Structures are given as structure tokens and as C-alpha cells.
């Protein structure tokens, strides 16, 4: 587990080559303190993938119904691994 250290810009995922998820050009705002799970995929363009509850992200581009989690792409400096472990 990890947490979002500060409010920051993130990118929604889009399906690409071989049905893998890639960062799209669609930006969203992720709020400080949201819990996330690191996804063990390769990062790209300086972004890393994290899984967050869909209801916790401000998302203008896709529907929130039927999706409990969404994978978004954030910069490494937006993630705090210690903040999440101190909450446990």
C-alpha cells in the first residue's frame, strides 16, 4: 500500500497494444491522502501505475459505475509509502 503525498495531476489509463493499459492524455486531479496500491507494471514517461478506488478520484472522462478500482498513472514524487504504513 501507498498513499498520495500531495494533490497532483494523474493520467487515466487506456487500452493499447496487446490489451495492456497505458497512460492516456486525459488528466485528472488526485487528492492528497488517498490510499493506493502499486501495480507491478513497468512505468513509462516518468509515470508509475497505481490502483485507486474509482470513487476517490475526480474523473470527468469516464463513468464511475461498475468499476470499483481504476489504474491511474502518477509521478513518483506524488507517492508516499511511509504515509500509508503509518496509518495501519
C-alpha atoms as a PDB file:
ATOM      1  CA  UNK A   1       0.000   0.000   0.000  1.00  0.00           C
ATOM      2  CA  UNK A   2       0.988   3.585  -0.520  1.00  0.00           C
ATOM      3  CA  UNK A   3      -0.702   6.959  -0.316  1.00  0.00           C
ATOM      4  CA  UNK A   4      -0.827  10.079  -2.428  1.00  0.00           C
ATOM      5  CA  UNK A   5       1.564  12.540  -0.769  1.00  0.00           C
ATOM      6  CA  UNK A   6       0.157  15.712  -2.284  1.00  0.00           C
ATOM      7  CA  UNK A   7      -2.639  16.694  -4.614  1.00  0.00           C
ATOM      8  CA  UNK A   8      -1.275  16.088  -8.068  1.00  0.00           C
ATOM      9  CA  UNK A   9      -2.067  15.528 -11.677  1.00  0.00           C
ATOM     10  CA  UNK A  10      -2.542  11.957 -12.832  1.00  0.00           C
ATOM     11  CA  UNK A  11      -3.370  10.321 -16.123  1.00  0.00           C
ATOM     12  CA  UNK A  12      -6.178   7.869 -16.785  1.00  0.00           C
ATOM     13  CA  UNK A  13      -5.379   4.536 -18.406  1.00  0.00           C
ATOM     14  CA  UNK A  14      -6.253   3.488 -21.902  1.00  0.00           C
ATOM     15  CA  UNK A  15      -6.103   0.071 -23.526  1.00  0.00           C
ATOM     16  CA  UNK A  16      -3.282  -0.268 -26.000  1.00  0.00           C
ATOM     17  CA  UNK A  17      -1.029  -2.858 -27.635  1.00  0.00           C
ATOM     18  CA  UNK A  18      -1.919  -6.455 -26.596  1.00  0.00           C
ATOM     19  CA  UNK A  19      -4.678  -5.083 -24.328  1.00  0.00           C
ATOM     20  CA  UNK A  20      -2.198  -3.608 -21.832  1.00  0.00           C
ATOM     21  CA  UNK A  21      -3.104  -0.399 -20.014  1.00  0.00           C
ATOM     22  CA  UNK A  22      -1.056   2.685 -20.852  1.00  0.00           C
ATOM     23  CA  UNK A  23      -1.245   6.290 -19.640  1.00  0.00           C
ATOM     24  CA  UNK A  24      -3.611   8.309 -21.780  1.00  0.00           C
ATOM     25  CA  UNK A  25      -3.542  12.042 -22.471  1.00  0.00           C
ATOM     26  CA  UNK A  26      -6.553  12.548 -20.189  1.00  0.00           C
ATOM     27  CA  UNK A  27      -5.528  14.287 -16.962  1.00  0.00           C
ATOM     28  CA  UNK A  28      -7.323  14.139 -13.633  1.00  0.00           C
ATOM     29  CA  UNK A  29      -6.677  15.510 -10.150  1.00  0.00           C
ATOM     30  CA  UNK A  30      -5.854  13.109  -7.337  1.00  0.00           C
ATOM     31  CA  UNK A  31      -6.298  14.417  -3.803  1.00  0.00           C
ATOM     32  CA  UNK A  32      -3.720  14.217  -1.039  1.00  0.00           C
ATOM     33  CA  UNK A  33      -4.047  11.258   1.325  1.00  0.00           C
ATOM     34  CA  UNK A  34      -5.856   8.837  -0.986  1.00  0.00           C
ATOM     35  CA  UNK A  35      -4.724   5.253  -0.428  1.00  0.00           C
ATOM     36  CA  UNK A  36      -3.383   3.455  -3.465  1.00  0.00           C
ATOM     37  CA  UNK A  37      -1.815   0.132  -4.380  1.00  0.00           C
ATOM     38  CA  UNK A  38       1.295  -0.055  -6.506  1.00  0.00           C
ATOM     39  CA  UNK A  39       0.694  -2.073  -9.651  1.00  0.00           C
ATOM     40  CA  UNK A  40       3.655  -4.207 -10.693  1.00  0.00           C
ATOM     41  CA  UNK A  41       3.830  -2.965 -14.247  1.00  0.00           C
ATOM     42  CA  UNK A  42       6.628  -1.101 -15.954  1.00  0.00           C
ATOM     43  CA  UNK A  43       6.320   2.669 -15.630  1.00  0.00           C
ATOM     44  CA  UNK A  44       6.521   4.892 -18.676  1.00  0.00           C
ATOM     45  CA  UNK A  45       7.309   8.515 -19.415  1.00  0.00           C
ATOM     46  CA  UNK A  46       8.289   9.130 -15.778  1.00  0.00           C
ATOM     47  CA  UNK A  47       4.912   7.860 -14.534  1.00  0.00           C
ATOM     48  CA  UNK A  48       4.102   4.834 -12.383  1.00  0.00           C
ATOM     49  CA  UNK A  49       0.783   2.974 -12.301  1.00  0.00           C
ATOM     50  CA  UNK A  50      -1.256   2.815  -9.090  1.00  0.00           C
ATOM     51  CA  UNK A  51      -4.693   1.381  -8.352  1.00  0.00           C
ATOM     52  CA  UNK A  52      -7.135   3.665  -6.510  1.00  0.00           C
ATOM     53  CA  UNK A  53     -10.804   3.432  -5.635  1.00  0.00           C
ATOM     54  CA  UNK A  54     -12.682   4.965  -8.541  1.00  0.00           C
ATOM     55  CA  UNK A  55     -14.982   6.926  -6.232  1.00  0.00           C
ATOM     56  CA  UNK A  56     -11.924   8.718  -4.748  1.00  0.00           C
ATOM     57  CA  UNK A  57     -10.683  10.286  -7.970  1.00  0.00           C
ATOM     58  CA  UNK A  58     -12.017  13.327  -9.746  1.00  0.00           C
ATOM     59  CA  UNK A  59     -12.720  11.882 -13.150  1.00  0.00           C
ATOM     60  CA  UNK A  60     -14.528  13.817 -15.870  1.00  0.00           C
ATOM     61  CA  UNK A  61     -13.823  11.380 -18.649  1.00  0.00           C
ATOM     62  CA  UNK A  62     -15.361   8.068 -17.710  1.00  0.00           C
ATOM     63  CA  UNK A  63     -18.290   6.676 -15.813  1.00  0.00           C
ATOM     64  CA  UNK A  64     -17.819   5.566 -12.218  1.00  0.00           C
ATOM     65  CA  UNK A  65     -20.453   2.873 -12.307  1.00  0.00           C
ATOM     66  CA  UNK A  66     -19.451  -0.798 -12.108  1.00  0.00           C
ATOM     67  CA  UNK A  67     -15.747  -0.067 -11.590  1.00  0.00           C
ATOM     68  CA  UNK A  68     -14.565  -0.287  -8.007  1.00  0.00           C
ATOM     69  CA  UNK A  69     -10.922   0.453  -8.859  1.00  0.00           C
ATOM     70  CA  UNK A  70      -9.131   2.397 -11.566  1.00  0.00           C
ATOM     71  CA  UNK A  71      -5.482   2.358 -12.569  1.00  0.00           C
ATOM     72  CA  UNK A  72      -4.037   5.833 -12.901  1.00  0.00           C
ATOM     73  CA  UNK A  73      -0.508   6.977 -13.695  1.00  0.00           C
ATOM     74  CA  UNK A  74       1.282   9.404 -11.353  1.00  0.00           C
ATOM     75  CA  UNK A  75       4.770  10.827 -10.906  1.00  0.00           C
ATOM     76  CA  UNK A  76       6.939   9.057  -8.321  1.00  0.00           C
ATOM     77  CA  UNK A  77       7.184  12.189  -6.173  1.00  0.00           C
ATOM     78  CA  UNK A  78       3.402  12.053  -5.602  1.00  0.00           C
ATOM     79  CA  UNK A  79       3.628   8.673  -3.825  1.00  0.00           C
ATOM     80  CA  UNK A  80       4.458   8.196  -0.152  1.00  0.00           C
ATOM     81  CA  UNK A  81       4.982   4.634   1.030  1.00  0.00           C
ATOM     82  CA  UNK A  82       5.595   5.629   4.682  1.00  0.00           C
ATOM     83  CA  UNK A  83       2.351   7.625   4.995  1.00  0.00           C
ATOM     84  CA  UNK A  84       0.304   4.535   4.140  1.00  0.00           C
ATOM     85  CA  UNK A  85       2.174   2.215   6.501  1.00  0.00           C
ATOM     86  CA  UNK A  86       1.898   4.666   9.407  1.00  0.00           C
ATOM     87  CA  UNK A  87      -1.912   4.548   9.111  1.00  0.00           C
ATOM     88  CA  UNK A  88      -2.009   0.777   9.717  1.00  0.00           C
END
